[in-house]
Amino acid sequence: MARNDEFFLNHWIGYYGRELGEENLFVYLDGEDQPIPQKAGKANVIHNKRVAEHVVAAEKRRCGFLSEVAAKLLDTYDLVIGVDADEFLIVDPACGKSLAEYLSSIHIATSVSGLGLDVGQKLGTEEQLQDSKPFLSQRQYAYISSRYTKPSVISRPVRWGSGFHRVKGHNFRIDPNLYLLHFGAVDYDMIMARFKDKDRMTT
């Protein structure tokens, strides 16, 4: 679920569309005023009515809603991946497998996590992010982050906590070949622009 996030949504759809097929992607836009992402392709894009409320209550409601959506999707799919628009679950290239191939090859009792890497910009060394180039060709630094080591992949209905950071009632397992790359702090100017977005700040 996203709001005012077309930049990342276009990249998100591009990546997961290649890995899983665009028709298997589900994007929930927070607000009927939100435009369909320019590169939506065959992705399922659904508008949700925006509810103005405190950020904590909004996040709790959002993850409750997405947990219910995931439970219904598991009637059709073997696995569901729940991530934000600026998060990209990848397989170690040394495995030589696509994301779908790798996830299909491992046992997932309830959920599995990739090691969280919070990718950032080294000011004075790395330039402003260019939309036309792959992110990782422009960024070389990241923090290993427990915050982004999330139980993103589930094999049965669960109740995600706020931000997908935990699954209620279950421990989580970190797979040695999976990484969750968080790009929310990938560009300083982009971060500053977000702080100026009054629509975001009033949530």
C-alpha atoms as a PDB file:
ATOM      1  CA  MET A   1       0.000   0.000   0.000  1.00  0.00           C
ATOM      2  CA  ALA A   2       1.429   3.368  -0.993  1.00  0.00           C
ATOM      3  CA  ARG A   3       0.645   7.067  -1.240  1.00  0.00           C
ATOM      4  CA  ASN A   4       2.537   9.718  -3.224  1.00  0.00           C
ATOM      5  CA  ASP A   5       5.156   7.115  -4.061  1.00  0.00           C
ATOM      6  CA  GLU A   6       5.048   6.681  -7.840  1.00  0.00           C
ATOM      7  CA  PHE A   7       8.845   6.859  -8.162  1.00  0.00           C
ATOM      8  CA  PHE A   8       9.373   3.734  -6.084  1.00  0.00           C
ATOM      9  CA  LEU A   9       6.203   2.024  -7.301  1.00  0.00           C
ATOM     10  CA  ASN A  10       7.407   2.139 -10.903  1.00  0.00           C
ATOM     11  CA  HIS A  11      10.694   0.506  -9.892  1.00  0.00           C
ATOM     12  CA  TRP A  12       8.875  -1.933  -7.581  1.00  0.00           C
ATOM     13  CA  ILE A  13       6.551  -3.074 -10.354  1.00  0.00           C
ATOM     14  CA  GLY A  14       9.477  -3.322 -12.756  1.00  0.00           C
ATOM     15  CA  TYR A  15      11.520  -5.541 -10.435  1.00  0.00           C
ATOM     16  CA  TYR A  16       8.815  -7.809  -9.067  1.00  0.00           C
ATOM     17  CA  GLY A  17       7.121  -7.940 -12.463  1.00  0.00           C
ATOM     18  CA  ARG A  18      10.277  -9.428 -13.959  1.00  0.00           C
ATOM     19  CA  GLU A  19      10.682 -11.857 -11.068  1.00  0.00           C
ATOM     20  CA  LEU A  20       7.082 -12.940 -10.518  1.00  0.00           C
ATOM     21  CA  GLY A  21       4.980 -11.661 -13.436  1.00  0.00           C
ATOM     22  CA  GLU A  22       3.158  -8.331 -13.354  1.00  0.00           C
ATOM     23  CA  GLU A  23      -0.215 -10.054 -13.212  1.00  0.00           C
ATOM     24  CA  ASN A  24       0.751 -11.490  -9.800  1.00  0.00           C
ATOM     25  CA  LEU A  25       1.409  -8.082  -8.212  1.00  0.00           C
ATOM     26  CA  PHE A  26      -1.128  -6.304  -6.007  1.00  0.00           C
ATOM     27  CA  VAL A  27      -0.717  -2.600  -5.274  1.00  0.00           C
ATOM     28  CA  TYR A  28      -3.143  -0.802  -2.964  1.00  0.00           C
ATOM     29  CA  LEU A  29      -3.195   2.969  -3.362  1.00  0.00           C
ATOM     30  CA  ASP A  30      -3.990   4.907  -0.198  1.00  0.00           C
ATOM     31  CA  GLY A  31      -6.624   7.302  -1.499  1.00  0.00           C
ATOM     32  CA  GLU A  32      -8.951   7.513  -4.466  1.00  0.00           C
ATOM     33  CA  ASP A  33      -7.044  10.627  -5.593  1.00  0.00           C
ATOM     34  CA  GLN A  34      -3.874   8.636  -6.286  1.00  0.00           C
ATOM     35  CA  PRO A  35      -2.883   8.197  -9.958  1.00  0.00           C
ATOM     36  CA  ILE A  36      -2.245   4.757 -11.405  1.00  0.00           C
ATOM     37  CA  PRO A  37       1.560   4.333 -11.646  1.00  0.00           C
ATOM     38  CA  GLN A  38       2.797   5.124 -15.139  1.00  0.00           C
ATOM     39  CA  LYS A  39       4.486   1.726 -15.451  1.00  0.00           C
ATOM     40  CA  ALA A  40       1.737  -0.334 -13.817  1.00  0.00           C
ATOM     41  CA  GLY A  41       1.523  -2.714 -16.764  1.00  0.00           C
ATOM     42  CA  LYS A  42      -0.566  -5.771 -15.839  1.00  0.00           C
ATOM     43  CA  ALA A  43      -0.227  -5.241 -12.091  1.00  0.00           C
ATOM     44  CA  ASN A  44      -3.442  -5.251 -10.082  1.00  0.00           C
ATOM     45  CA  VAL A  45      -3.773  -1.670  -8.819  1.00  0.00           C
ATOM     46  CA  ILE A  46      -6.622  -1.043  -6.397  1.00  0.00           C
ATOM     47  CA  HIS A  47      -7.716   2.288  -4.941  1.00  0.00           C
ATOM     48  CA  ASN A  48      -8.575   2.349  -1.249  1.00  0.00           C
ATOM     49  CA  LYS A  49     -10.487   5.127   0.436  1.00  0.00           C
ATOM     50  CA  ARG A  50      -8.083   7.261   2.453  1.00  0.00           C
ATOM     51  CA  VAL A  51      -8.730   7.503   6.183  1.00  0.00           C
ATOM     52  CA  ALA A  52      -7.123  10.507   7.884  1.00  0.00           C
ATOM     53  CA  GLU A  53      -5.857   9.382  11.280  1.00  0.00           C
ATOM     54  CA  HIS A  54      -2.786   9.349  13.499  1.00  0.00           C
ATOM     55  CA  VAL A  55       0.180   7.576  11.937  1.00  0.00           C
ATOM     56  CA  VAL A  56       0.243   4.772  14.540  1.00  0.00           C
ATOM     57  CA  ALA A  57      -3.450   3.990  14.098  1.00  0.00           C
ATOM     58  CA  ALA A  58      -3.106   4.257  10.313  1.00  0.00           C
ATOM     59  CA  GLU A  59      -0.211   1.798  10.236  1.00  0.00           C
ATOM     60  CA  LYS A  60      -2.056  -0.666  12.463  1.00  0.00           C
ATOM     61  CA  ARG A  61      -5.115  -0.493  10.210  1.00  0.00           C
ATOM     62  CA  ARG A  62      -2.980  -0.787   7.064  1.00  0.00           C
ATOM     63  CA  CYS A  63      -1.220  -3.961   8.207  1.00  0.00           C
ATOM     64  CA  GLY A  64      -4.471  -5.464   9.434  1.00  0.00           C
ATOM     65  CA  PHE A  65      -5.994  -4.851   6.010  1.00  0.00           C
ATOM     66  CA  LEU A  66      -2.951  -6.254   4.179  1.00  0.00           C
ATOM     67  CA  SER A  67      -2.895  -9.334   6.421  1.00  0.00           C
ATOM     68  CA  GLU A  68      -6.499 -10.017   5.403  1.00  0.00           C
ATOM     69  CA  VAL A  69      -5.633  -9.483   1.735  1.00  0.00           C
ATOM     70  CA  ALA A  70      -2.693 -11.886   2.027  1.00  0.00           C
ATOM     71  CA  ALA A  71      -4.870 -14.545   3.648  1.00  0.00           C
ATOM     72  CA  LYS A  72      -7.272 -14.404   0.711  1.00  0.00           C
ATOM     73  CA  LEU A  73      -4.408 -14.510  -1.819  1.00  0.00           C
ATOM     74  CA  LEU A  74      -3.133 -17.705  -0.201  1.00  0.00           C
ATOM     75  CA  ASP A  75      -6.276 -19.413  -1.505  1.00  0.00           C
ATOM     76  CA  THR A  76      -4.725 -18.933  -4.960  1.00  0.00           C
ATOM     77  CA  TYR A  77      -0.972 -18.693  -4.359  1.00  0.00           C
ATOM     78  CA  ASP A  78       1.481 -20.939  -2.481  1.00  0.00           C
ATOM     79  CA  LEU A  79       3.330 -17.926  -1.042  1.00  0.00           C
ATOM     80  CA  VAL A  80       2.686 -14.221  -0.541  1.00  0.00           C
ATOM     81  CA  ILE A  81       5.366 -11.532  -0.266  1.00  0.00           C
ATOM     82  CA  GLY A  82       4.441  -8.424   1.708  1.00  0.00           C
ATOM     83  CA  VAL A  83       6.781  -5.456   1.261  1.00  0.00           C
ATOM     84  CA  ASP A  84       6.608  -1.683   0.959  1.00  0.00           C
ATOM     85  CA  ALA A  85       7.170   0.173  -2.308  1.00  0.00           C
ATOM     86  CA  ASP A  86      10.799   0.965  -1.440  1.00  0.00           C
ATOM     87  CA  GLU A  87      11.718  -2.614  -0.445  1.00  0.00           C
ATOM     88  CA  PHE A  88      13.177  -5.213  -2.765  1.00  0.00           C
ATOM     89  CA  LEU A  89      13.613  -8.859  -1.774  1.00  0.00           C
ATOM     90  CA  ILE A  90      16.530 -10.374  -3.680  1.00  0.00           C
ATOM     91  CA  VAL A  91      18.372 -13.691  -3.867  1.00  0.00           C
ATOM     92  CA  ASP A  92      22.150 -13.867  -3.571  1.00  0.00           C
ATOM     93  CA  PRO A  93      23.306 -13.916  -7.231  1.00  0.00           C
ATOM     94  CA  ALA A  94      25.701 -16.740  -6.350  1.00  0.00           C
ATOM     95  CA  CYS A  95      22.670 -19.042  -6.089  1.00  0.00           C
ATOM     96  CA  GLY A  96      21.965 -18.648  -9.800  1.00  0.00           C
ATOM     97  CA  LYS A  97      18.208 -18.687  -9.223  1.00  0.00           C
ATOM     98  CA  SER A  98      15.398 -16.208  -9.720  1.00  0.00           C
ATOM     99  CA  LEU A  99      13.353 -15.097  -6.731  1.00  0.00           C
ATOM    100  CA  ALA A 100      10.466 -17.404  -7.659  1.00  0.00           C
ATOM    101  CA  GLU A 101      12.799 -20.357  -8.241  1.00  0.00           C
ATOM    102  CA  TYR A 102      14.586 -19.881  -4.947  1.00  0.00           C
ATOM    103  CA  LEU A 103      11.475 -19.407  -2.823  1.00  0.00           C
ATOM    104  CA  SER A 104       9.976 -22.510  -4.444  1.00  0.00           C
ATOM    105  CA  SER A 105      13.062 -24.530  -3.487  1.00  0.00           C
ATOM    106  CA  ILE A 106      13.083 -23.834   0.272  1.00  0.00           C
ATOM    107  CA  HIS A 107      10.752 -24.950   3.044  1.00  0.00           C
ATOM    108  CA  ILE A 108       8.727 -22.108   4.537  1.00  0.00           C
ATOM    109  CA  ALA A 109       6.759 -23.305   7.545  1.00  0.00           C
ATOM    110  CA  THR A 110       5.100 -19.959   8.258  1.00  0.00           C
ATOM    111  CA  SER A 111       7.396 -17.152   7.148  1.00  0.00           C
ATOM    112  CA  VAL A 112      10.922 -16.406   6.010  1.00  0.00           C
ATOM    113  CA  SER A 113      13.004 -13.233   6.147  1.00  0.00           C
ATOM    114  CA  GLY A 114      15.815 -11.759   4.130  1.00  0.00           C
ATOM    115  CA  LEU A 115      18.682  -9.995   5.909  1.00  0.00           C
ATOM    116  CA  GLY A 116      17.786  -6.300   5.965  1.00  0.00           C
ATOM    117  CA  LEU A 117      20.124  -3.847   4.256  1.00  0.00           C
ATOM    118  CA  ASP A 118      19.289  -0.143   4.557  1.00  0.00           C
ATOM    119  CA  VAL A 119      20.890   1.353   1.447  1.00  0.00           C
ATOM    120  CA  GLY A 120      21.960   4.991   1.731  1.00  0.00           C
ATOM    121  CA  GLN A 121      23.881   7.746  -0.027  1.00  0.00           C
ATOM    122  CA  LYS A 122      27.432   8.675   0.965  1.00  0.00           C
ATOM    123  CA  LEU A 123      27.323  12.438   0.625  1.00  0.00           C
ATOM    124  CA  GLY A 124      30.320  13.954  -1.099  1.00  0.00           C
ATOM    125  CA  THR A 125      31.073  10.689  -2.872  1.00  0.00           C
ATOM    126  CA  GLU A 126      27.839   9.541  -4.479  1.00  0.00           C
ATOM    127  CA  GLU A 127      25.766  11.796  -6.743  1.00  0.00           C
ATOM    128  CA  GLN A 128      22.015  12.378  -6.723  1.00  0.00           C
ATOM    129  CA  LEU A 129      20.141   9.249  -7.757  1.00  0.00           C
ATOM    130  CA  GLN A 130      19.328   8.995 -11.466  1.00  0.00           C
ATOM    131  CA  ASP A 131      16.026   7.349 -12.278  1.00  0.00           C
ATOM    132  CA  SER A 132      17.325   5.891 -15.551  1.00  0.00           C
ATOM    133  CA  LYS A 133      20.059   3.774 -13.917  1.00  0.00           C
ATOM    134  CA  PRO A 134      19.814   0.760 -11.593  1.00  0.00           C
ATOM    135  CA  PHE A 135      19.951   1.794  -7.925  1.00  0.00           C
ATOM    136  CA  LEU A 136      22.855  -0.476  -7.028  1.00  0.00           C
ATOM    137  CA  SER A 137      25.005   0.866  -9.856  1.00  0.00           C
ATOM    138  CA  GLN A 138      24.865   4.214  -8.033  1.00  0.00           C
ATOM    139  CA  ARG A 139      25.052   3.183  -4.368  1.00  0.00           C
ATOM    140  CA  GLN A 140      27.732   1.145  -2.610  1.00  0.00           C
ATOM    141  CA  TYR A 141      26.878   1.568   1.078  1.00  0.00           C
ATOM    142  CA  ALA A 142      24.281   0.057   3.390  1.00  0.00           C
ATOM    143  CA  TYR A 143      23.711  -0.686   7.059  1.00  0.00           C
ATOM    144  CA  ILE A 144      22.796  -4.180   8.158  1.00  0.00           C
ATOM    145  CA  SER A 145      19.442  -3.511   9.769  1.00  0.00           C
ATOM    146  CA  SER A 146      17.308  -5.571  12.115  1.00  0.00           C
ATOM    147  CA  ARG A 147      14.473  -3.141  11.352  1.00  0.00           C
ATOM    148  CA  TYR A 148      14.356  -4.270   7.726  1.00  0.00           C
ATOM    149  CA  THR A 149      14.961  -7.940   8.460  1.00  0.00           C
ATOM    150  CA  LYS A 150      11.267  -8.623   8.090  1.00  0.00           C
ATOM    151  CA  PRO A 151       9.130 -11.785   7.833  1.00  0.00           C
ATOM    152  CA  SER A 152       8.165 -10.699   4.336  1.00  0.00           C
ATOM    153  CA  VAL A 153       7.345 -14.089   2.825  1.00  0.00           C
ATOM    154  CA  ILE A 154       4.475 -16.114   4.259  1.00  0.00           C
ATOM    155  CA  SER A 155       3.071 -19.527   3.429  1.00  0.00           C
ATOM    156  CA  ARG A 156      -0.075 -19.362   5.554  1.00  0.00           C
ATOM    157  CA  PRO A 157      -2.344 -16.634   6.948  1.00  0.00           C
ATOM    158  CA  VAL A 158      -0.676 -14.512   9.636  1.00  0.00           C
ATOM    159  CA  ARG A 159      -1.154 -11.176  11.326  1.00  0.00           C
ATOM    160  CA  TRP A 160       1.638  -8.815  10.336  1.00  0.00           C
ATOM    161  CA  GLY A 161       2.678  -6.179  12.840  1.00  0.00           C
ATOM    162  CA  SER A 162       3.197  -2.555  11.793  1.00  0.00           C
ATOM    163  CA  GLY A 163       5.361  -2.162   8.703  1.00  0.00           C
ATOM    164  CA  PHE A 164       5.574  -5.963   8.179  1.00  0.00           C
ATOM    165  CA  HIS A 165       8.273  -5.938  10.896  1.00  0.00           C
ATOM    166  CA  ARG A 166       6.952  -9.003  12.689  1.00  0.00           C
ATOM    167  CA  VAL A 167       4.388 -11.767  12.558  1.00  0.00           C
ATOM    168  CA  LYS A 168       2.262 -11.939  15.670  1.00  0.00           C
ATOM    169  CA  GLY A 169       2.540 -15.227  17.537  1.00  0.00           C
ATOM    170  CA  HIS A 170       5.472 -16.531  15.497  1.00  0.00           C
ATOM    171  CA  ASN A 171       9.233 -16.264  15.487  1.00  0.00           C
ATOM    172  CA  PHE A 172      10.908 -15.640  12.137  1.00  0.00           C
ATOM    173  CA  ARG A 173      13.752 -17.295  10.256  1.00  0.00           C
ATOM    174  CA  ILE A 174      16.428 -15.419   8.296  1.00  0.00           C
ATOM    175  CA  ASP A 175      17.367 -17.253   5.121  1.00  0.00           C
ATOM    176  CA  PRO A 176      21.137 -17.105   4.371  1.00  0.00           C
ATOM    177  CA  ASN A 177      20.571 -16.368   0.682  1.00  0.00           C
ATOM    178  CA  LEU A 178      17.845 -13.713   0.892  1.00  0.00           C
ATOM    179  CA  TYR A 179      18.311  -9.968   1.344  1.00  0.00           C
ATOM    180  CA  LEU A 180      15.725  -7.234   1.772  1.00  0.00           C
ATOM    181  CA  LEU A 181      17.086  -4.002   0.325  1.00  0.00           C
ATOM    182  CA  HIS A 182      15.417  -0.888   1.716  1.00  0.00           C
ATOM    183  CA  PHE A 183      15.834   2.175  -0.508  1.00  0.00           C
ATOM    184  CA  GLY A 184      13.810   4.726   1.459  1.00  0.00           C
ATOM    185  CA  ALA A 185      17.004   6.595   2.398  1.00  0.00           C
ATOM    186  CA  VAL A 186      18.783   6.057  -0.920  1.00  0.00           C
ATOM    187  CA  ASP A 187      18.941   9.758  -1.826  1.00  0.00           C
ATOM    188  CA  TYR A 188      19.321  12.810   0.436  1.00  0.00           C
ATOM    189  CA  ASP A 189      17.369  15.193  -1.790  1.00  0.00           C
ATOM    190  CA  MET A 190      14.521  12.687  -2.033  1.00  0.00           C
ATOM    191  CA  ILE A 191      14.360  12.442   1.762  1.00  0.00           C
ATOM    192  CA  MET A 192      14.196  16.232   2.089  1.00  0.00           C
ATOM    193  CA  ALA A 193      11.407  16.397  -0.494  1.00  0.00           C
ATOM    194  CA  ARG A 194       9.388  13.877   1.519  1.00  0.00           C
ATOM    195  CA  PHE A 195       9.621  16.042   4.627  1.00  0.00           C
ATOM    196  CA  LYS A 196       8.153  18.903   2.607  1.00  0.00           C
ATOM    197  CA  ASP A 197       5.212  16.780   1.477  1.00  0.00           C
ATOM    198  CA  LYS A 198       2.438  18.169   3.701  1.00  0.00           C
ATOM    199  CA  ASP A 199       0.100  15.388   2.613  1.00  0.00           C
ATOM    200  CA  ARG A 200       2.436  12.772   4.110  1.00  0.00           C
ATOM    201  CA  MET A 201       3.129  14.747   7.254  1.00  0.00           C
ATOM    202  CA  THR A 202      -0.568  15.139   8.137  1.00  0.00           C
ATOM    203  CA  THR A 203      -1.171  11.386   8.282  1.00  0.00           C
END
